[in-house]
């Protein structure tokens, strides 16, 4: 079963945040374009930590060390290696400083991210169609007021809190803003367990 995507519009999300701000009746203290900007910023904020947006990018391995991704992303969650027989194995996240310093079992064991590229090592001596699948958090494009929210439903409340936290800065209510952001972070933390799980 697939994770349920939110079915509310950005306008509805902003309306809910207005209730938290006690700004639910016109004339509004916080204008729609301002709150829409917070909402779009919030989609990026909650997705990078919760892994709320998910995509993959498959790369055919050559004898190169590094490969550019074909998609803009916020973060990479993991990289899965598939050998020529179709056997899959999660690679271990590492650093470019260890390239050439690890044992070579004849296939990749490690991956790293650097300068928009994914490094995979040890490098295959004779590649024969092996691939890696990069599990990434794509960069979300901005949405309009009438757009239907594209994050998982379980992040709706986190986004309401985020919008309110940013709006409260404008009101110079810094303690209340920090409290709202902390509640947002708590919701994101719970959502991450559901969306991404925990490594063993």
C-alpha atoms as a PDB file:
ATOM      1  CA  UNK A   1       0.000   0.000   0.000  1.00  0.00           C
ATOM      2  CA  UNK A   2       1.271   3.454  -0.909  1.00  0.00           C
ATOM      3  CA  UNK A   3       1.861   6.327   1.528  1.00  0.00           C
ATOM      4  CA  UNK A   4      -1.161   8.668   1.290  1.00  0.00           C
ATOM      5  CA  UNK A   5      -0.383  12.006  -0.344  1.00  0.00           C
ATOM      6  CA  UNK A   6      -2.110  15.065   1.088  1.00  0.00           C
ATOM      7  CA  UNK A   7      -5.325  16.008  -0.680  1.00  0.00           C
ATOM      8  CA  UNK A   8      -5.599  19.596   0.568  1.00  0.00           C
ATOM      9  CA  UNK A   9      -4.697  22.708  -1.412  1.00  0.00           C
ATOM     10  CA  UNK A  10      -1.993  25.155  -0.457  1.00  0.00           C
ATOM     11  CA  UNK A  11      -4.794  27.639   0.232  1.00  0.00           C
ATOM     12  CA  UNK A  12      -6.386  25.255   2.765  1.00  0.00           C
ATOM     13  CA  UNK A  13      -3.000  24.655   4.400  1.00  0.00           C
ATOM     14  CA  UNK A  14      -2.477  28.404   4.722  1.00  0.00           C
ATOM     15  CA  UNK A  15      -5.988  28.776   6.180  1.00  0.00           C
ATOM     16  CA  UNK A  16      -5.147  26.243   8.871  1.00  0.00           C
ATOM     17  CA  UNK A  17      -1.924  28.090   9.680  1.00  0.00           C
ATOM     18  CA  UNK A  18      -3.926  31.316   9.988  1.00  0.00           C
ATOM     19  CA  UNK A  19      -5.997  29.680  12.745  1.00  0.00           C
ATOM     20  CA  UNK A  20      -2.779  28.978  14.682  1.00  0.00           C
ATOM     21  CA  UNK A  21      -1.812  32.626  14.195  1.00  0.00           C
ATOM     22  CA  UNK A  22      -5.240  33.953  15.232  1.00  0.00           C
ATOM     23  CA  UNK A  23      -5.321  35.649  11.815  1.00  0.00           C
ATOM     24  CA  UNK A  24      -8.304  33.865  10.290  1.00  0.00           C
ATOM     25  CA  UNK A  25     -10.480  36.887   9.453  1.00  0.00           C
ATOM     26  CA  UNK A  26      -9.919  39.566   6.812  1.00  0.00           C
ATOM     27  CA  UNK A  27      -8.243  41.984   6.724  1.00  0.00           C
ATOM     28  CA  UNK A  28      -5.332  39.636   7.321  1.00  0.00           C
ATOM     29  CA  UNK A  29      -2.109  40.703   9.015  1.00  0.00           C
ATOM     30  CA  UNK A  30      -0.260  38.074   6.958  1.00  0.00           C
ATOM     31  CA  UNK A  31      -0.984  38.309   3.210  1.00  0.00           C
ATOM     32  CA  UNK A  32      -1.451  35.210   1.042  1.00  0.00           C
ATOM     33  CA  UNK A  33       1.744  35.641  -1.038  1.00  0.00           C
ATOM     34  CA  UNK A  34       3.799  35.906   2.153  1.00  0.00           C
ATOM     35  CA  UNK A  35       2.279  32.755   3.674  1.00  0.00           C
ATOM     36  CA  UNK A  36       2.559  30.942   0.336  1.00  0.00           C
ATOM     37  CA  UNK A  37       6.291  31.685   0.381  1.00  0.00           C
ATOM     38  CA  UNK A  38       6.537  30.198   3.884  1.00  0.00           C
ATOM     39  CA  UNK A  39       4.544  27.153   2.743  1.00  0.00           C
ATOM     40  CA  UNK A  40       6.885  26.505  -0.192  1.00  0.00           C
ATOM     41  CA  UNK A  41       9.925  26.975   2.033  1.00  0.00           C
ATOM     42  CA  UNK A  42       8.285  24.606   4.514  1.00  0.00           C
ATOM     43  CA  UNK A  43       7.858  21.895   1.861  1.00  0.00           C
ATOM     44  CA  UNK A  44      11.614  21.942   1.362  1.00  0.00           C
ATOM     45  CA  UNK A  45      12.271  22.083   5.123  1.00  0.00           C
ATOM     46  CA  UNK A  46      10.091  19.113   6.040  1.00  0.00           C
ATOM     47  CA  UNK A  47      10.982  16.999   3.007  1.00  0.00           C
ATOM     48  CA  UNK A  48      14.737  17.086   3.522  1.00  0.00           C
ATOM     49  CA  UNK A  49      14.438  15.810   7.088  1.00  0.00           C
ATOM     50  CA  UNK A  50      11.453  13.479   6.728  1.00  0.00           C
ATOM     51  CA  UNK A  51      12.274  12.136   3.245  1.00  0.00           C
ATOM     52  CA  UNK A  52       8.732  13.188   2.330  1.00  0.00           C
ATOM     53  CA  UNK A  53       9.573  13.444  -1.367  1.00  0.00           C
ATOM     54  CA  UNK A  54      11.108  10.302  -2.792  1.00  0.00           C
ATOM     55  CA  UNK A  55      12.600   9.448  -6.172  1.00  0.00           C
ATOM     56  CA  UNK A  56      15.305   7.261  -7.676  1.00  0.00           C
ATOM     57  CA  UNK A  57      17.960   7.713 -10.334  1.00  0.00           C
ATOM     58  CA  UNK A  58      19.503   4.630 -11.975  1.00  0.00           C
ATOM     59  CA  UNK A  59      23.078   4.867 -13.245  1.00  0.00           C
ATOM     60  CA  UNK A  60      24.828   2.299 -15.460  1.00  0.00           C
ATOM     61  CA  UNK A  61      28.312   1.752 -14.090  1.00  0.00           C
ATOM     62  CA  UNK A  62      31.424   2.141 -16.214  1.00  0.00           C
ATOM     63  CA  UNK A  63      35.024   2.181 -15.070  1.00  0.00           C
ATOM     64  CA  UNK A  64      34.516   5.737 -13.768  1.00  0.00           C
ATOM     65  CA  UNK A  65      34.661   6.625 -10.091  1.00  0.00           C
ATOM     66  CA  UNK A  66      32.025   9.398 -10.074  1.00  0.00           C
ATOM     67  CA  UNK A  67      28.678   9.864 -11.819  1.00  0.00           C
ATOM     68  CA  UNK A  68      26.438  12.937 -12.122  1.00  0.00           C
ATOM     69  CA  UNK A  69      22.797  12.465 -11.170  1.00  0.00           C
ATOM     70  CA  UNK A  70      20.147  13.363 -13.747  1.00  0.00           C
ATOM     71  CA  UNK A  71      17.794  14.907 -11.148  1.00  0.00           C
ATOM     72  CA  UNK A  72      18.081  17.889  -8.818  1.00  0.00           C
ATOM     73  CA  UNK A  73      17.965  16.700  -5.222  1.00  0.00           C
ATOM     74  CA  UNK A  74      18.035  17.856  -1.630  1.00  0.00           C
ATOM     75  CA  UNK A  75      19.624  14.739  -0.145  1.00  0.00           C
ATOM     76  CA  UNK A  76      20.589  11.176  -0.973  1.00  0.00           C
ATOM     77  CA  UNK A  77      19.199   8.508   1.334  1.00  0.00           C
ATOM     78  CA  UNK A  78      21.122   5.477   0.071  1.00  0.00           C
ATOM     79  CA  UNK A  79      22.615   3.785  -2.994  1.00  0.00           C
ATOM     80  CA  UNK A  80      21.788   0.212  -4.088  1.00  0.00           C
ATOM     81  CA  UNK A  81      24.211  -1.737  -6.279  1.00  0.00           C
ATOM     82  CA  UNK A  82      22.845  -4.318  -8.736  1.00  0.00           C
ATOM     83  CA  UNK A  83      25.372  -6.768 -10.155  1.00  0.00           C
ATOM     84  CA  UNK A  84      25.262  -8.373 -13.615  1.00  0.00           C
ATOM     85  CA  UNK A  85      23.142 -11.260 -12.256  1.00  0.00           C
ATOM     86  CA  UNK A  86      20.541  -8.874 -10.807  1.00  0.00           C
ATOM     87  CA  UNK A  87      21.608  -9.337  -7.185  1.00  0.00           C
ATOM     88  CA  UNK A  88      21.061  -6.140  -5.176  1.00  0.00           C
ATOM     89  CA  UNK A  89      23.118  -4.855  -2.266  1.00  0.00           C
ATOM     90  CA  UNK A  90      23.044  -1.587  -0.332  1.00  0.00           C
ATOM     91  CA  UNK A  91      26.356   0.222  -0.494  1.00  0.00           C
ATOM     92  CA  UNK A  92      27.915   1.749   2.625  1.00  0.00           C
ATOM     93  CA  UNK A  93      28.149   5.538   2.792  1.00  0.00           C
ATOM     94  CA  UNK A  94      31.759   6.649   2.957  1.00  0.00           C
ATOM     95  CA  UNK A  95      34.038   9.517   1.947  1.00  0.00           C
ATOM     96  CA  UNK A  96      36.252  10.247  -1.068  1.00  0.00           C
ATOM     97  CA  UNK A  97      39.224  10.253   1.303  1.00  0.00           C
ATOM     98  CA  UNK A  98      39.013   6.434   1.425  1.00  0.00           C
ATOM     99  CA  UNK A  99      39.127   5.803  -2.330  1.00  0.00           C
ATOM    100  CA  UNK A 100      42.023   3.431  -3.015  1.00  0.00           C
ATOM    101  CA  UNK A 101      42.477   2.730   0.708  1.00  0.00           C
ATOM    102  CA  UNK A 102      39.998  -0.131   1.134  1.00  0.00           C
ATOM    103  CA  UNK A 103      40.076  -3.803   0.216  1.00  0.00           C
ATOM    104  CA  UNK A 104      38.776  -4.523  -3.295  1.00  0.00           C
ATOM    105  CA  UNK A 105      36.441  -7.534  -3.419  1.00  0.00           C
ATOM    106  CA  UNK A 106      35.924  -7.006  -7.168  1.00  0.00           C
ATOM    107  CA  UNK A 107      32.722  -5.012  -6.837  1.00  0.00           C
ATOM    108  CA  UNK A 108      31.602  -1.695  -5.318  1.00  0.00           C
ATOM    109  CA  UNK A 109      31.067  -1.600  -1.560  1.00  0.00           C
ATOM    110  CA  UNK A 110      30.976   2.142  -0.801  1.00  0.00           C
ATOM    111  CA  UNK A 111      29.415   5.336  -2.060  1.00  0.00           C
ATOM    112  CA  UNK A 112      29.858   9.041  -1.368  1.00  0.00           C
ATOM    113  CA  UNK A 113      28.344  12.313  -2.545  1.00  0.00           C
ATOM    114  CA  UNK A 114      30.494  15.224  -3.678  1.00  0.00           C
ATOM    115  CA  UNK A 115      29.909  18.246  -5.910  1.00  0.00           C
ATOM    116  CA  UNK A 116      26.612  16.943  -7.289  1.00  0.00           C
ATOM    117  CA  UNK A 117      28.118  13.576  -8.165  1.00  0.00           C
ATOM    118  CA  UNK A 118      27.864  10.103  -6.646  1.00  0.00           C
ATOM    119  CA  UNK A 119      31.127   8.250  -6.161  1.00  0.00           C
ATOM    120  CA  UNK A 120      31.042   4.436  -6.224  1.00  0.00           C
ATOM    121  CA  UNK A 121      34.068   2.396  -5.163  1.00  0.00           C
ATOM    122  CA  UNK A 122      35.984   0.181  -5.497  1.00  0.00           C
ATOM    123  CA  UNK A 123      35.617   0.828  -9.215  1.00  0.00           C
ATOM    124  CA  UNK A 124      34.665  -2.126 -11.413  1.00  0.00           C
ATOM    125  CA  UNK A 125      37.638  -3.300 -13.465  1.00  0.00           C
ATOM    126  CA  UNK A 126      35.455  -4.694 -16.281  1.00  0.00           C
ATOM    127  CA  UNK A 127      31.856  -3.428 -16.090  1.00  0.00           C
ATOM    128  CA  UNK A 128      29.224  -5.620 -17.764  1.00  0.00           C
ATOM    129  CA  UNK A 129      25.952  -3.753 -17.235  1.00  0.00           C
ATOM    130  CA  UNK A 130      26.041  -3.336 -13.461  1.00  0.00           C
ATOM    131  CA  UNK A 131      24.022  -0.413 -12.089  1.00  0.00           C
ATOM    132  CA  UNK A 132      23.484   1.647  -8.985  1.00  0.00           C
ATOM    133  CA  UNK A 133      20.110   3.072  -8.004  1.00  0.00           C
ATOM    134  CA  UNK A 134      20.358   6.336  -6.110  1.00  0.00           C
ATOM    135  CA  UNK A 135      17.510   6.848  -3.633  1.00  0.00           C
ATOM    136  CA  UNK A 136      17.137  10.592  -3.353  1.00  0.00           C
ATOM    137  CA  UNK A 137      14.947  13.380  -2.020  1.00  0.00           C
ATOM    138  CA  UNK A 138      14.127  15.519  -5.071  1.00  0.00           C
ATOM    139  CA  UNK A 139      14.089  19.301  -4.930  1.00  0.00           C
ATOM    140  CA  UNK A 140      10.416  20.361  -4.776  1.00  0.00           C
ATOM    141  CA  UNK A 141       9.231  23.029  -7.222  1.00  0.00           C
ATOM    142  CA  UNK A 142       7.224  25.944  -5.818  1.00  0.00           C
ATOM    143  CA  UNK A 143       3.440  25.587  -5.832  1.00  0.00           C
ATOM    144  CA  UNK A 144       0.589  28.107  -6.186  1.00  0.00           C
ATOM    145  CA  UNK A 145      -2.332  28.738  -3.811  1.00  0.00           C
ATOM    146  CA  UNK A 146      -4.721  26.509  -5.781  1.00  0.00           C
ATOM    147  CA  UNK A 147      -2.237  23.633  -6.124  1.00  0.00           C
ATOM    148  CA  UNK A 148      -2.910  20.386  -4.289  1.00  0.00           C
ATOM    149  CA  UNK A 149      -0.207  19.669  -1.751  1.00  0.00           C
ATOM    150  CA  UNK A 150       2.175  16.954  -2.937  1.00  0.00           C
ATOM    151  CA  UNK A 151       3.749  15.949   0.364  1.00  0.00           C
ATOM    152  CA  UNK A 152       2.561  12.910   2.349  1.00  0.00           C
ATOM    153  CA  UNK A 153      -0.582  13.538   4.402  1.00  0.00           C
ATOM    154  CA  UNK A 154       1.311  12.885   7.649  1.00  0.00           C
ATOM    155  CA  UNK A 155       3.298  16.093   7.048  1.00  0.00           C
ATOM    156  CA  UNK A 156       0.267  18.440   6.889  1.00  0.00           C
ATOM    157  CA  UNK A 157       0.483  19.390  10.567  1.00  0.00           C
ATOM    158  CA  UNK A 158       4.244  19.921  10.372  1.00  0.00           C
ATOM    159  CA  UNK A 159       3.714  22.342   7.496  1.00  0.00           C
ATOM    160  CA  UNK A 160       1.031  24.258   9.422  1.00  0.00           C
ATOM    161  CA  UNK A 161       3.469  24.646  12.318  1.00  0.00           C
ATOM    162  CA  UNK A 162       6.275  25.717   9.975  1.00  0.00           C
ATOM    163  CA  UNK A 163       4.174  28.417   8.290  1.00  0.00           C
ATOM    164  CA  UNK A 164       3.075  29.731  11.680  1.00  0.00           C
ATOM    165  CA  UNK A 165       6.646  29.731  12.990  1.00  0.00           C
ATOM    166  CA  UNK A 166       7.850  31.900  10.108  1.00  0.00           C
ATOM    167  CA  UNK A 167       4.897  34.271  10.352  1.00  0.00           C
ATOM    168  CA  UNK A 168       5.497  34.738  14.083  1.00  0.00           C
ATOM    169  CA  UNK A 169       8.983  36.058  13.328  1.00  0.00           C
ATOM    170  CA  UNK A 170       7.318  38.913  11.424  1.00  0.00           C
ATOM    171  CA  UNK A 171       5.256  39.592  14.550  1.00  0.00           C
ATOM    172  CA  UNK A 172       8.494  39.581  16.587  1.00  0.00           C
ATOM    173  CA  UNK A 173       7.113  36.766  18.728  1.00  0.00           C
ATOM    174  CA  UNK A 174      10.382  34.858  18.751  1.00  0.00           C
ATOM    175  CA  UNK A 175       9.627  32.504  21.640  1.00  0.00           C
ATOM    176  CA  UNK A 176       6.305  31.475  20.103  1.00  0.00           C
ATOM    177  CA  UNK A 177       8.041  31.059  16.737  1.00  0.00           C
ATOM    178  CA  UNK A 178      10.673  28.766  18.249  1.00  0.00           C
ATOM    179  CA  UNK A 179       7.923  26.758  19.951  1.00  0.00           C
ATOM    180  CA  UNK A 180       6.036  26.301  16.654  1.00  0.00           C
ATOM    181  CA  UNK A 181       9.234  25.273  14.865  1.00  0.00           C
ATOM    182  CA  UNK A 182       9.984  22.746  17.612  1.00  0.00           C
ATOM    183  CA  UNK A 183       6.498  21.255  17.150  1.00  0.00           C
ATOM    184  CA  UNK A 184       7.141  21.130  13.396  1.00  0.00           C
ATOM    185  CA  UNK A 185      10.426  19.301  13.982  1.00  0.00           C
ATOM    186  CA  UNK A 186       8.692  16.810  16.286  1.00  0.00           C
ATOM    187  CA  UNK A 187       6.101  16.010  13.601  1.00  0.00           C
ATOM    188  CA  UNK A 188       8.853  15.659  10.995  1.00  0.00           C
ATOM    189  CA  UNK A 189      10.781  13.283  13.242  1.00  0.00           C
ATOM    190  CA  UNK A 190       7.729  11.050  13.671  1.00  0.00           C
ATOM    191  CA  UNK A 191       7.024  11.168   9.934  1.00  0.00           C
ATOM    192  CA  UNK A 192      10.596  10.185   9.083  1.00  0.00           C
ATOM    193  CA  UNK A 193      10.204   6.939  11.014  1.00  0.00           C
ATOM    194  CA  UNK A 194       7.121   6.136   8.928  1.00  0.00           C
ATOM    195  CA  UNK A 195       8.487   7.285   5.577  1.00  0.00           C
ATOM    196  CA  UNK A 196      12.109   6.192   5.641  1.00  0.00           C
ATOM    197  CA  UNK A 197      12.413   3.691   8.460  1.00  0.00           C
ATOM    198  CA  UNK A 198      15.592   3.138  10.392  1.00  0.00           C
ATOM    199  CA  UNK A 199      18.736   1.346   9.293  1.00  0.00           C
ATOM    200  CA  UNK A 200      19.719  -1.755  11.248  1.00  0.00           C
END
